[in-house]
Amino acid sequence: MLPPYREGMRIAVVGDLQRTAPILEFFREENDRERASVVSEITKERPDLLLFAGDNVFGGGCEAQWRSFDSLTIALRKAGIVAASAFGNHEYWLTRVSADEHLFARFPLNARRHWFSLAMGPLRIVVLDSNKRRLGAKWSEQLAWYARELDVFDRDATVRGVLLVVHHPPYTNSSVTGDEIHVQRAIVPRFESAEKTLAMLNGHVHSYERFLRKGKMYVVSGGGGGPRARLHTGSRRRHLDDCYDGPALRAFNFVLYTVTNKGVTAEVRGLAKGASTWATLDQFVLTFVSVSP
């Protein structure tokens, strides 16, 4: 369970902790040292809630890979850090049934659900499963729940803001993957039209990007240790409005969100390849919606 709300509670969000596959990805960088540093730094920060944005392992149906994940994250559990996770595409690799069992066993806060919401004082956190093909008929069920949930939050005067966690980003300049059109079509419109949604938090792209569109923030933070994705630059960019002016190959990262009475402040923590010192990559503020008495 989440601890009782107090102002200043912090949420850490990290995406894509999966290891580089030794055979299938032999041509990509191996970041075991940096993955361990990501987990160590989050443990030191002692967030009140840790949200994994998906792709915790390379093959979600593989028992050995989940055991490796357990070893990697043992310090988080010893510190008593409460955690939940979205489903990434890698969680579904190999077999669906065992993938579900592996993830749910490690994240009881999910309550065996692929989509759910959490409350932290005036803030609500909505977690969706963006794997449309894998969900099949449940995709429509999820979208109906999502729309109802946002309606409830918009009508509730005690709710001041909503964060949405979705593994696949609707917008990215990644040279490895493209924009996720199914997220653009099915999830973005309701996110844009809801009064209290503040930001969509994504992983999948092993980098860091931030876009501000129609008053809503889109934060792509998949820098947990998977092989980094180079972003298109110059005239090859799909989107010119990345609010973070960084290089094509960006640092490993996670984001710390602090809940205040006015909104949510965000600090993006970054680690360069081969480095041992963490630094602040980016900062931004998400302001709560004003609610009439």
C-alpha atoms as a PDB file:
ATOM      1  CA  MET A   1       0.000   0.000   0.000  1.00  0.00           C
ATOM      2  CA  LEU A   2       0.985   3.604  -0.520  1.00  0.00           C
ATOM      3  CA  PRO A   3       1.973   5.548   2.598  1.00  0.00           C
ATOM      4  CA  PRO A   4      -0.452   8.246   3.859  1.00  0.00           C
ATOM      5  CA  TYR A   5      -0.307  11.415   1.811  1.00  0.00           C
ATOM      6  CA  ARG A   6       1.809  14.365   2.889  1.00  0.00           C
ATOM      7  CA  GLU A   7       2.997  17.337   0.884  1.00  0.00           C
ATOM      8  CA  GLY A   8       6.389  16.711  -0.648  1.00  0.00           C
ATOM      9  CA  MET A   9       5.850  13.029  -1.410  1.00  0.00           C
ATOM     10  CA  ARG A  10       8.015  11.850  -4.280  1.00  0.00           C
ATOM     11  CA  ILE A  11       7.441   9.518  -7.197  1.00  0.00           C
ATOM     12  CA  ALA A  12      10.337   8.039  -9.167  1.00  0.00           C
ATOM     13  CA  VAL A  13       9.628   6.873 -12.715  1.00  0.00           C
ATOM     14  CA  VAL A  14      12.089   4.677 -14.605  1.00  0.00           C
ATOM     15  CA  GLY A  15      11.724   2.818 -17.875  1.00  0.00           C
ATOM     16  CA  ASP A  16      13.471   0.017 -19.744  1.00  0.00           C
ATOM     17  CA  LEU A  17      15.756  -1.669 -17.269  1.00  0.00           C
ATOM     18  CA  GLN A  18      16.109  -4.730 -19.506  1.00  0.00           C
ATOM     19  CA  ARG A  19      19.560  -6.132 -20.160  1.00  0.00           C
ATOM     20  CA  THR A  20      21.089  -6.137 -23.603  1.00  0.00           C
ATOM     21  CA  ALA A  21      20.432  -9.625 -25.010  1.00  0.00           C
ATOM     22  CA  PRO A  22      23.863 -11.326 -25.360  1.00  0.00           C
ATOM     23  CA  ILE A  23      23.069 -13.053 -28.678  1.00  0.00           C
ATOM     24  CA  LEU A  24      20.187 -11.175 -30.321  1.00  0.00           C
ATOM     25  CA  GLU A  25      21.687  -7.771 -29.514  1.00  0.00           C
ATOM     26  CA  PHE A  26      25.394  -8.603 -29.738  1.00  0.00           C
ATOM     27  CA  PHE A  27      25.903  -5.439 -31.813  1.00  0.00           C
ATOM     28  CA  ARG A  28      24.420  -3.105 -29.169  1.00  0.00           C
ATOM     29  CA  GLU A  29      26.042  -1.631 -26.048  1.00  0.00           C
ATOM     30  CA  GLU A  30      25.957  -3.539 -22.758  1.00  0.00           C
ATOM     31  CA  ASN A  31      25.020  -1.380 -19.754  1.00  0.00           C
ATOM     32  CA  ASP A  32      24.985  -3.649 -16.696  1.00  0.00           C
ATOM     33  CA  ARG A  33      27.093  -1.189 -14.717  1.00  0.00           C
ATOM     34  CA  GLU A  34      24.773   1.699 -15.518  1.00  0.00           C
ATOM     35  CA  ARG A  35      21.642  -0.363 -14.791  1.00  0.00           C
ATOM     36  CA  ALA A  36      22.986  -1.128 -11.335  1.00  0.00           C
ATOM     37  CA  SER A  37      23.776   2.556 -10.823  1.00  0.00           C
ATOM     38  CA  VAL A  38      20.225   3.548 -11.821  1.00  0.00           C
ATOM     39  CA  VAL A  39      18.749   1.233  -9.195  1.00  0.00           C
ATOM     40  CA  SER A  40      21.290   2.328  -6.573  1.00  0.00           C
ATOM     41  CA  GLU A  41      20.559   6.013  -7.149  1.00  0.00           C
ATOM     42  CA  ILE A  42      16.794   5.500  -6.925  1.00  0.00           C
ATOM     43  CA  THR A  43      17.287   3.562  -3.694  1.00  0.00           C
ATOM     44  CA  LYS A  44      19.310   6.449  -2.251  1.00  0.00           C
ATOM     45  CA  GLU A  45      16.518   8.885  -3.145  1.00  0.00           C
ATOM     46  CA  ARG A  46      13.961   6.806  -1.176  1.00  0.00           C
ATOM     47  CA  PRO A  47      10.864   7.791  -3.216  1.00  0.00           C
ATOM     48  CA  ASP A  48       7.433   7.181  -1.704  1.00  0.00           C
ATOM     49  CA  LEU A  49       6.412   5.400  -4.906  1.00  0.00           C
ATOM     50  CA  LEU A  50       8.444   3.874  -7.724  1.00  0.00           C
ATOM     51  CA  LEU A  51       6.778   3.412 -11.101  1.00  0.00           C
ATOM     52  CA  PHE A  52       8.375   1.195 -13.726  1.00  0.00           C
ATOM     53  CA  ALA A  53       7.329   2.273 -17.236  1.00  0.00           C
ATOM     54  CA  GLY A  54       7.734  -1.258 -18.637  1.00  0.00           C
ATOM     55  CA  ASP A  55      10.407  -3.452 -20.238  1.00  0.00           C
ATOM     56  CA  ASN A  56      11.867  -4.531 -16.917  1.00  0.00           C
ATOM     57  CA  VAL A  57      13.439  -7.577 -18.581  1.00  0.00           C
ATOM     58  CA  PHE A  58      14.223  -8.537 -22.175  1.00  0.00           C
ATOM     59  CA  GLY A  59      11.970 -11.610 -22.222  1.00  0.00           C
ATOM     60  CA  GLY A  60       9.052 -11.427 -19.803  1.00  0.00           C
ATOM     61  CA  GLY A  61       8.360 -15.156 -19.998  1.00  0.00           C
ATOM     62  CA  CYS A  62      11.877 -16.122 -18.907  1.00  0.00           C
ATOM     63  CA  GLU A  63      12.270 -17.148 -15.269  1.00  0.00           C
ATOM     64  CA  ALA A  64      16.055 -16.623 -15.324  1.00  0.00           C
ATOM     65  CA  GLN A  65      15.711 -13.041 -16.503  1.00  0.00           C
ATOM     66  CA  TRP A  66      13.250 -12.241 -13.720  1.00  0.00           C
ATOM     67  CA  ARG A  67      15.648 -13.768 -11.196  1.00  0.00           C
ATOM     68  CA  SER A  68      18.306 -11.421 -12.551  1.00  0.00           C
ATOM     69  CA  PHE A  69      15.839  -8.539 -12.151  1.00  0.00           C
ATOM     70  CA  ASP A  70      15.261  -9.632  -8.540  1.00  0.00           C
ATOM     71  CA  SER A  71      18.993  -9.531  -7.863  1.00  0.00           C
ATOM     72  CA  LEU A  72      19.277  -6.120  -9.505  1.00  0.00           C
ATOM     73  CA  THR A  73      16.431  -4.610  -7.460  1.00  0.00           C
ATOM     74  CA  ILE A  74      16.996  -6.295  -4.091  1.00  0.00           C
ATOM     75  CA  ALA A  75      18.097  -3.005  -2.491  1.00  0.00           C
ATOM     76  CA  LEU A  76      14.783  -1.389  -3.458  1.00  0.00           C
ATOM     77  CA  ARG A  77      12.849  -4.132  -1.694  1.00  0.00           C
ATOM     78  CA  LYS A  78      15.082  -4.025   1.388  1.00  0.00           C
ATOM     79  CA  ALA A  79      14.476  -0.272   1.566  1.00  0.00           C
ATOM     80  CA  GLY A  80      10.726  -0.914   1.559  1.00  0.00           C
ATOM     81  CA  ILE A  81      10.118   1.198  -1.549  1.00  0.00           C
ATOM     82  CA  VAL A  82       6.571   0.660  -2.839  1.00  0.00           C
ATOM     83  CA  ALA A  83       6.490  -0.065  -6.581  1.00  0.00           C
ATOM     84  CA  ALA A  84       4.095  -0.699  -9.464  1.00  0.00           C
ATOM     85  CA  SER A  85       4.733  -1.368 -13.141  1.00  0.00           C
ATOM     86  CA  ALA A  86       3.228  -0.818 -16.559  1.00  0.00           C
ATOM     87  CA  PHE A  87       3.491  -3.587 -19.126  1.00  0.00           C
ATOM     88  CA  GLY A  88       6.052  -2.961 -21.851  1.00  0.00           C
ATOM     89  CA  ASN A  89       6.335  -4.955 -25.058  1.00  0.00           C
ATOM     90  CA  HIS A  90       9.196  -7.017 -23.593  1.00  0.00           C
ATOM     91  CA  GLU A  91       7.024  -8.207 -20.715  1.00  0.00           C
ATOM     92  CA  TYR A  92       5.051 -10.158 -23.331  1.00  0.00           C
ATOM     93  CA  TRP A  93       8.022 -11.771 -25.050  1.00  0.00           C
ATOM     94  CA  LEU A  94       8.137 -15.595 -25.003  1.00  0.00           C
ATOM     95  CA  THR A  95       4.801 -16.423 -23.322  1.00  0.00           C
ATOM     96  CA  ARG A  96       1.914 -14.260 -22.098  1.00  0.00           C
ATOM     97  CA  VAL A  97       0.748 -16.374 -19.172  1.00  0.00           C
ATOM     98  CA  SER A  98       4.089 -16.723 -17.433  1.00  0.00           C
ATOM     99  CA  ALA A  99       4.870 -13.067 -18.173  1.00  0.00           C
ATOM    100  CA  ASP A 100       1.736 -12.032 -16.276  1.00  0.00           C
ATOM    101  CA  GLU A 101       2.617 -14.262 -13.360  1.00  0.00           C
ATOM    102  CA  HIS A 102       6.195 -12.996 -13.165  1.00  0.00           C
ATOM    103  CA  LEU A 103       5.215  -9.319 -13.178  1.00  0.00           C
ATOM    104  CA  PHE A 104       2.244  -9.616 -10.831  1.00  0.00           C
ATOM    105  CA  ALA A 105       4.289 -11.612  -8.319  1.00  0.00           C
ATOM    106  CA  ARG A 106       6.790  -8.775  -8.087  1.00  0.00           C
ATOM    107  CA  PHE A 107       4.363  -5.845  -8.117  1.00  0.00           C
ATOM    108  CA  PRO A 108       1.455  -6.536  -5.739  1.00  0.00           C
ATOM    109  CA  LEU A 109       0.392  -2.883  -6.002  1.00  0.00           C
ATOM    110  CA  ASN A 110      -0.798  -3.742  -9.524  1.00  0.00           C
ATOM    111  CA  ALA A 111      -3.386  -6.028  -7.880  1.00  0.00           C
ATOM    112  CA  ARG A 112      -3.048  -8.359 -10.893  1.00  0.00           C
ATOM    113  CA  ARG A 113      -4.297  -5.663 -13.255  1.00  0.00           C
ATOM    114  CA  HIS A 114      -2.894  -4.448 -16.576  1.00  0.00           C
ATOM    115  CA  TRP A 115      -4.531  -1.051 -16.066  1.00  0.00           C
ATOM    116  CA  PHE A 116      -5.270   0.709 -12.776  1.00  0.00           C
ATOM    117  CA  SER A 117      -5.136   4.033 -10.934  1.00  0.00           C
ATOM    118  CA  LEU A 118      -3.433   5.150  -7.727  1.00  0.00           C
ATOM    119  CA  ALA A 119      -4.206   8.089  -5.430  1.00  0.00           C
ATOM    120  CA  MET A 120      -1.619  10.342  -3.824  1.00  0.00           C
ATOM    121  CA  GLY A 121      -3.449  13.201  -2.121  1.00  0.00           C
ATOM    122  CA  PRO A 122      -4.647  15.603  -4.833  1.00  0.00           C
ATOM    123  CA  LEU A 123      -2.832  13.617  -7.533  1.00  0.00           C
ATOM    124  CA  ARG A 124      -4.090  10.593  -9.436  1.00  0.00           C
ATOM    125  CA  ILE A 125      -1.831   8.232 -11.383  1.00  0.00           C
ATOM    126  CA  VAL A 126      -3.354   6.204 -14.211  1.00  0.00           C
ATOM    127  CA  VAL A 127      -1.376   3.256 -15.601  1.00  0.00           C
ATOM    128  CA  LEU A 128      -2.363   1.730 -18.952  1.00  0.00           C
ATOM    129  CA  ASP A 129      -1.160  -1.225 -21.013  1.00  0.00           C
ATOM    130  CA  SER A 130      -0.317   0.107 -24.485  1.00  0.00           C
ATOM    131  CA  ASN A 131       0.242  -3.323 -26.075  1.00  0.00           C
ATOM    132  CA  LYS A 132      -2.871  -3.251 -28.261  1.00  0.00           C
ATOM    133  CA  ARG A 133      -2.284  -6.495 -30.147  1.00  0.00           C
ATOM    134  CA  ARG A 134      -1.425  -8.412 -27.000  1.00  0.00           C
ATOM    135  CA  LEU A 135      -4.535  -7.241 -25.161  1.00  0.00           C
ATOM    136  CA  GLY A 136      -6.858  -8.187 -28.013  1.00  0.00           C
ATOM    137  CA  ALA A 137     -10.508  -7.678 -27.033  1.00  0.00           C
ATOM    138  CA  LYS A 138      -9.430  -6.273 -23.661  1.00  0.00           C
ATOM    139  CA  TRP A 139      -8.016  -3.216 -25.455  1.00  0.00           C
ATOM    140  CA  SER A 140     -11.542  -1.761 -25.866  1.00  0.00           C
ATOM    141  CA  GLU A 141     -12.370  -2.655 -22.262  1.00  0.00           C
ATOM    142  CA  GLN A 142      -9.305  -0.761 -21.093  1.00  0.00           C
ATOM    143  CA  LEU A 143     -10.110   2.314 -23.183  1.00  0.00           C
ATOM    144  CA  ALA A 144     -13.668   2.461 -21.822  1.00  0.00           C
ATOM    145  CA  TRP A 145     -12.330   2.241 -18.247  1.00  0.00           C
ATOM    146  CA  TYR A 146      -9.732   4.930 -19.028  1.00  0.00           C
ATOM    147  CA  ALA A 147     -12.360   7.359 -20.336  1.00  0.00           C
ATOM    148  CA  ARG A 148     -14.611   6.773 -17.322  1.00  0.00           C
ATOM    149  CA  GLU A 149     -11.732   7.209 -14.899  1.00  0.00           C
ATOM    150  CA  LEU A 150     -10.741  10.576 -16.363  1.00  0.00           C
ATOM    151  CA  ASP A 151     -14.398  11.683 -16.258  1.00  0.00           C
ATOM    152  CA  VAL A 152     -14.597  10.777 -12.572  1.00  0.00           C
ATOM    153  CA  PHE A 153     -11.414  12.709 -11.814  1.00  0.00           C
ATOM    154  CA  ASP A 154     -12.603  15.788 -13.709  1.00  0.00           C
ATOM    155  CA  ARG A 155     -15.802  15.844 -11.627  1.00  0.00           C
ATOM    156  CA  ASP A 156     -14.031  15.272  -8.296  1.00  0.00           C
ATOM    157  CA  ALA A 157     -13.041  18.589  -6.699  1.00  0.00           C
ATOM    158  CA  THR A 158     -10.457  16.855  -4.487  1.00  0.00           C
ATOM    159  CA  VAL A 159      -8.487  15.767  -7.553  1.00  0.00           C
ATOM    160  CA  ARG A 160      -6.154  18.487  -8.809  1.00  0.00           C
ATOM    161  CA  GLY A 161      -4.053  16.666 -11.374  1.00  0.00           C
ATOM    162  CA  VAL A 162      -3.552  13.379 -13.216  1.00  0.00           C
ATOM    163  CA  LEU A 163      -0.394  11.659 -14.468  1.00  0.00           C
ATOM    164  CA  LEU A 164      -0.740   8.966 -17.140  1.00  0.00           C
ATOM    165  CA  VAL A 165       1.837   6.166 -17.430  1.00  0.00           C
ATOM    166  CA  VAL A 166       1.951   4.426 -20.840  1.00  0.00           C
ATOM    167  CA  HIS A 167       4.914   2.402 -22.081  1.00  0.00           C
ATOM    168  CA  HIS A 168       4.771   3.368 -25.784  1.00  0.00           C
ATOM    169  CA  PRO A 169       5.236   7.097 -26.560  1.00  0.00           C
ATOM    170  CA  PRO A 170       2.944   8.781 -29.077  1.00  0.00           C
ATOM    171  CA  TYR A 171       5.769  11.101 -30.131  1.00  0.00           C
ATOM    172  CA  THR A 172       9.520  10.483 -30.400  1.00  0.00           C
ATOM    173  CA  ASN A 173      12.532  11.367 -32.501  1.00  0.00           C
ATOM    174  CA  SER A 174      14.045   7.916 -31.974  1.00  0.00           C
ATOM    175  CA  SER A 175      16.044   6.442 -34.854  1.00  0.00           C
ATOM    176  CA  VAL A 176      15.204   2.932 -33.588  1.00  0.00           C
ATOM    177  CA  THR A 177      11.423   3.152 -33.231  1.00  0.00           C
ATOM    178  CA  GLY A 178       8.812   5.554 -34.580  1.00  0.00           C
ATOM    179  CA  ASP A 179       5.754   7.333 -33.222  1.00  0.00           C
ATOM    180  CA  GLU A 180       3.186   4.928 -31.787  1.00  0.00           C
ATOM    181  CA  ILE A 181       0.159   5.670 -33.962  1.00  0.00           C
ATOM    182  CA  HIS A 182      -2.224   3.478 -31.935  1.00  0.00           C
ATOM    183  CA  VAL A 183      -1.415   5.560 -28.847  1.00  0.00           C
ATOM    184  CA  GLN A 184      -1.922   8.776 -30.814  1.00  0.00           C
ATOM    185  CA  ARG A 185      -5.333   7.617 -32.015  1.00  0.00           C
ATOM    186  CA  ALA A 186      -6.729   5.798 -28.991  1.00  0.00           C
ATOM    187  CA  ILE A 187      -5.131   7.368 -25.899  1.00  0.00           C
ATOM    188  CA  VAL A 188      -3.978  10.897 -26.757  1.00  0.00           C
ATOM    189  CA  PRO A 189      -7.395  12.437 -27.644  1.00  0.00           C
ATOM    190  CA  ARG A 190      -8.956  11.687 -24.242  1.00  0.00           C
ATOM    191  CA  PHE A 191      -5.734  12.719 -22.516  1.00  0.00           C
ATOM    192  CA  GLU A 192      -5.865  16.068 -24.341  1.00  0.00           C
ATOM    193  CA  SER A 193      -9.541  16.725 -23.682  1.00  0.00           C
ATOM    194  CA  ALA A 194      -9.529  15.860 -19.974  1.00  0.00           C
ATOM    195  CA  GLU A 195      -9.323  18.927 -17.780  1.00  0.00           C
ATOM    196  CA  LYS A 196      -6.926  17.641 -15.136  1.00  0.00           C
ATOM    197  CA  THR A 197      -4.389  15.545 -17.052  1.00  0.00           C
ATOM    198  CA  LEU A 198      -0.916  17.034 -16.641  1.00  0.00           C
ATOM    199  CA  ALA A 199       1.589  14.700 -18.289  1.00  0.00           C
ATOM    200  CA  MET A 200       1.915  11.404 -20.129  1.00  0.00           C
ATOM    201  CA  LEU A 201       4.934   9.438 -18.922  1.00  0.00           C
ATOM    202  CA  ASN A 202       6.431   6.976 -21.408  1.00  0.00           C
ATOM    203  CA  GLY A 203       9.323   4.562 -21.760  1.00  0.00           C
ATOM    204  CA  HIS A 204      10.149   2.292 -24.734  1.00  0.00           C
ATOM    205  CA  VAL A 205      12.628   4.741 -26.298  1.00  0.00           C
ATOM    206  CA  HIS A 206      15.969   4.293 -24.527  1.00  0.00           C
ATOM    207  CA  SER A 207      16.599   7.993 -24.202  1.00  0.00           C
ATOM    208  CA  TYR A 208      15.022  11.145 -22.763  1.00  0.00           C
ATOM    209  CA  GLU A 209      12.661  13.521 -24.566  1.00  0.00           C
ATOM    210  CA  ARG A 210      10.045  16.049 -23.466  1.00  0.00           C
ATOM    211  CA  PHE A 211       7.297  17.616 -25.561  1.00  0.00           C
ATOM    212  CA  LEU A 212       4.678  20.224 -24.609  1.00  0.00           C
ATOM    213  CA  ARG A 213       1.543  20.119 -26.756  1.00  0.00           C
ATOM    214  CA  LYS A 214      -1.843  21.742 -26.155  1.00  0.00           C
ATOM    215  CA  GLY A 215      -0.860  22.453 -22.564  1.00  0.00           C
ATOM    216  CA  LYS A 216       0.001  18.804 -21.819  1.00  0.00           C
ATOM    217  CA  MET A 217       3.475  17.389 -21.220  1.00  0.00           C
ATOM    218  CA  TYR A 218       4.801  14.221 -22.855  1.00  0.00           C
ATOM    219  CA  VAL A 219       7.860  12.817 -21.059  1.00  0.00           C
ATOM    220  CA  VAL A 220       9.802   9.975 -22.686  1.00  0.00           C
ATOM    221  CA  SER A 221      12.142   8.455 -20.099  1.00  0.00           C
ATOM    222  CA  GLY A 222      13.402   5.014 -21.070  1.00  0.00           C
ATOM    223  CA  GLY A 223      16.947   5.397 -19.847  1.00  0.00           C
ATOM    224  CA  GLY A 224      17.016   2.641 -17.240  1.00  0.00           C
ATOM    225  CA  GLY A 225      19.864   0.713 -18.832  1.00  0.00           C
ATOM    226  CA  GLY A 226      18.700  -0.856 -22.068  1.00  0.00           C
ATOM    227  CA  PRO A 227      20.980  -0.172 -25.069  1.00  0.00           C
ATOM    228  CA  ARG A 228      20.574   3.539 -25.755  1.00  0.00           C
ATOM    229  CA  ALA A 229      18.656   4.773 -28.791  1.00  0.00           C
ATOM    230  CA  ARG A 230      20.144   7.546 -30.869  1.00  0.00           C
ATOM    231  CA  LEU A 231      17.666  10.314 -31.687  1.00  0.00           C
ATOM    232  CA  HIS A 232      17.288  11.883 -35.105  1.00  0.00           C
ATOM    233  CA  THR A 233      18.732  15.380 -35.273  1.00  0.00           C
ATOM    234  CA  GLY A 234      18.525  18.332 -37.643  1.00  0.00           C
ATOM    235  CA  SER A 235      16.271  17.926 -40.667  1.00  0.00           C
ATOM    236  CA  ARG A 236      15.693  14.218 -39.890  1.00  0.00           C
ATOM    237  CA  ARG A 237      13.708  14.972 -36.725  1.00  0.00           C
ATOM    238  CA  ARG A 238      10.028  14.090 -36.849  1.00  0.00           C
ATOM    239  CA  HIS A 239       9.282  16.608 -34.104  1.00  0.00           C
ATOM    240  CA  LEU A 240      11.034  19.952 -33.685  1.00  0.00           C
ATOM    241  CA  ASP A 241       9.550  20.743 -30.268  1.00  0.00           C
ATOM    242  CA  ASP A 242      11.691  18.657 -27.904  1.00  0.00           C
ATOM    243  CA  CYS A 243      11.908  20.892 -24.821  1.00  0.00           C
ATOM    244  CA  TYR A 244      15.198  19.283 -23.786  1.00  0.00           C
ATOM    245  CA  ASP A 245      18.136  20.465 -25.856  1.00  0.00           C
ATOM    246  CA  GLY A 246      20.361  17.419 -25.554  1.00  0.00           C
ATOM    247  CA  PRO A 247      22.639  15.387 -27.831  1.00  0.00           C
ATOM    248  CA  ALA A 248      21.475  12.614 -30.154  1.00  0.00           C
ATOM    249  CA  LEU A 249      22.715   9.939 -27.728  1.00  0.00           C
ATOM    250  CA  ARG A 250      21.492  10.862 -24.263  1.00  0.00           C
ATOM    251  CA  ALA A 251      22.309   9.868 -20.704  1.00  0.00           C
ATOM    252  CA  PHE A 252      20.763   7.061 -18.672  1.00  0.00           C
ATOM    253  CA  ASN A 253      17.991   8.564 -16.624  1.00  0.00           C
ATOM    254  CA  PHE A 254      15.008   8.438 -14.319  1.00  0.00           C
ATOM    255  CA  VAL A 255      12.599  11.183 -13.215  1.00  0.00           C
ATOM    256  CA  LEU A 256      11.725  12.305  -9.682  1.00  0.00           C
ATOM    257  CA  TYR A 257       8.307  13.945  -9.312  1.00  0.00           C
ATOM    258  CA  THR A 258       7.544  15.852  -6.091  1.00  0.00           C
ATOM    259  CA  VAL A 259       3.900  16.526  -5.197  1.00  0.00           C
ATOM    260  CA  THR A 260       3.199  19.969  -3.713  1.00  0.00           C
ATOM    261  CA  ASN A 261       0.003  21.893  -2.953  1.00  0.00           C
ATOM    262  CA  LYS A 262       0.398  23.740  -6.250  1.00  0.00           C
ATOM    263  CA  GLY A 263       1.387  20.927  -8.548  1.00  0.00           C
ATOM    264  CA  VAL A 264       4.211  18.561  -9.357  1.00  0.00           C
ATOM    265  CA  THR A 265       7.860  19.531  -9.772  1.00  0.00           C
ATOM    266  CA  ALA A 266      10.072  17.230 -11.811  1.00  0.00           C
ATOM    267  CA  GLU A 267      13.821  16.642 -11.775  1.00  0.00           C
ATOM    268  CA  VAL A 268      15.372  14.393 -14.416  1.00  0.00           C
ATOM    269  CA  ARG A 269      18.436  12.637 -13.049  1.00  0.00           C
ATOM    270  CA  GLY A 270      21.056  11.558 -15.583  1.00  0.00           C
ATOM    271  CA  LEU A 271      24.202   9.439 -15.781  1.00  0.00           C
ATOM    272  CA  ALA A 272      26.628   9.551 -18.696  1.00  0.00           C
ATOM    273  CA  LYS A 273      27.917   6.271 -20.142  1.00  0.00           C
ATOM    274  CA  GLY A 274      30.887   5.082 -18.073  1.00  0.00           C
ATOM    275  CA  ALA A 275      30.410   7.809 -15.454  1.00  0.00           C
ATOM    276  CA  SER A 276      29.865   7.414 -11.723  1.00  0.00           C
ATOM    277  CA  THR A 277      28.422  10.844 -10.881  1.00  0.00           C
ATOM    278  CA  TRP A 278      24.753  11.654 -11.363  1.00  0.00           C
ATOM    279  CA  ALA A 279      23.604  15.093 -12.499  1.00  0.00           C
ATOM    280  CA  THR A 280      20.357  16.973 -13.160  1.00  0.00           C
ATOM    281  CA  LEU A 281      19.537  16.761 -16.868  1.00  0.00           C
ATOM    282  CA  ASP A 282      16.282  18.685 -16.902  1.00  0.00           C
ATOM    283  CA  GLN A 283      13.668  20.276 -14.640  1.00  0.00           C
ATOM    284  CA  PHE A 284      10.069  21.300 -15.209  1.00  0.00           C
ATOM    285  CA  VAL A 285       6.851  22.077 -13.311  1.00  0.00           C
ATOM    286  CA  LEU A 286       3.336  20.695 -13.791  1.00  0.00           C
ATOM    287  CA  THR A 287       0.752  23.070 -12.301  1.00  0.00           C
ATOM    288  CA  PHE A 288      -2.444  21.745 -10.772  1.00  0.00           C
ATOM    289  CA  VAL A 289      -5.766  22.766 -12.267  1.00  0.00           C
ATOM    290  CA  SER A 290      -7.619  25.449 -10.304  1.00  0.00           C
ATOM    291  CA  VAL A 291     -10.842  24.057  -8.834  1.00  0.00           C
ATOM    292  CA  SER A 292     -13.781  26.353  -8.097  1.00  0.00           C
ATOM    293  CA  PRO A 293     -15.154  26.106  -4.524  1.00  0.00           C
END
